[in-house]
Amino acid sequence: MKSRPSLTLKWDMRIRADSPSRCWLVSAFCVVALSLFAAQCAPVLKGAFTCEGIQILSEQLTVTEAEEYCRYAVRERKKVEEFWGGTWNEPIRINVSSSYRITRALVPGHFGNRGFMEMPLRRARDNTGGLLHEIVHIYAPNNNRFLAEGLAVYLHTKLGGNPAFPNFGEDLQRSAARRLSAVKSLESLNGVRTPRPLSTVMEEETAYVVAGSFVAFLIERYGLTLFRSLYETEDYEKVYGKALNTLENEWRLSLRKP
């Protein structure tokens, strides 16, 4: 009686029968395994990485991740400075940690820590954090939360920031037009003072989209020079010769145009 071939022999015959694809699968597995091993063994920053006016602070990023994020932040900072001007000449310190839930720079600056940014670890790793948005807050802080967030949202979109809160890459005016029916008036938003959040008077995502859209309207319709004056004085009548509700009506009409 013939004996059955062993399992080892069967497996060997299967590999030989389809060796090119088998070799590819084995190679792919090895690459993935080595990549995971390398990531786990990569040195963690555990301190600071500095490059061209940016300092990355983290106990969780690898050195390579910190360097890449630092270079990215340098590019985003240059965009903001070219548009708004050199209103901040000190280093920007970005603390990346899993302990943070949201990105923040305006509120830390309000409490005396201007130039400091909080960035959630996950947002830094998958590039969904509003880095350029927060850099705008460092360059252009304001006690009027509506104007401050509006400028940051607008510039994040205009200057080519990554898809992030609140419109996640969608056209800002299109996003605002969809939400217009939920906005009775801009007066309540305009009355919010930093550090009070806009979400205390309106659903958060809607509030940020509306703020960004309204600031976009003011700058693109009346120019950056007048908006800078508004940003300093908060006096719509003095700067534009029109009350906020008149400007709001113009903005609403602009969103309804095809």
Foldseek 3Di string as FASTA:
>chain_A
DDDDDDPVVVVVVVCVVPVVVVVVVVVVVVVVVVVVVCVVVAAAPQAWDDDDQEIEGERGHGPVLRVVLRVVLVVLLVLLCVVPNPQDDHGQYEYEEQVDDAKDQQQCVVVPNQSYIYHYNVCSVVVQHLSSLNSQCSSQHAFQQLLSLLVSLQSCQVSPHAQYPDPRNPDLLLVLLVCVVVDPDCVVSRPHTPPDASCVPPPRRNSSSNSNLLVVCCCVVPHDVLVVVCRVVVDCCVSPVDDRVVSVVVSNVVSPDD
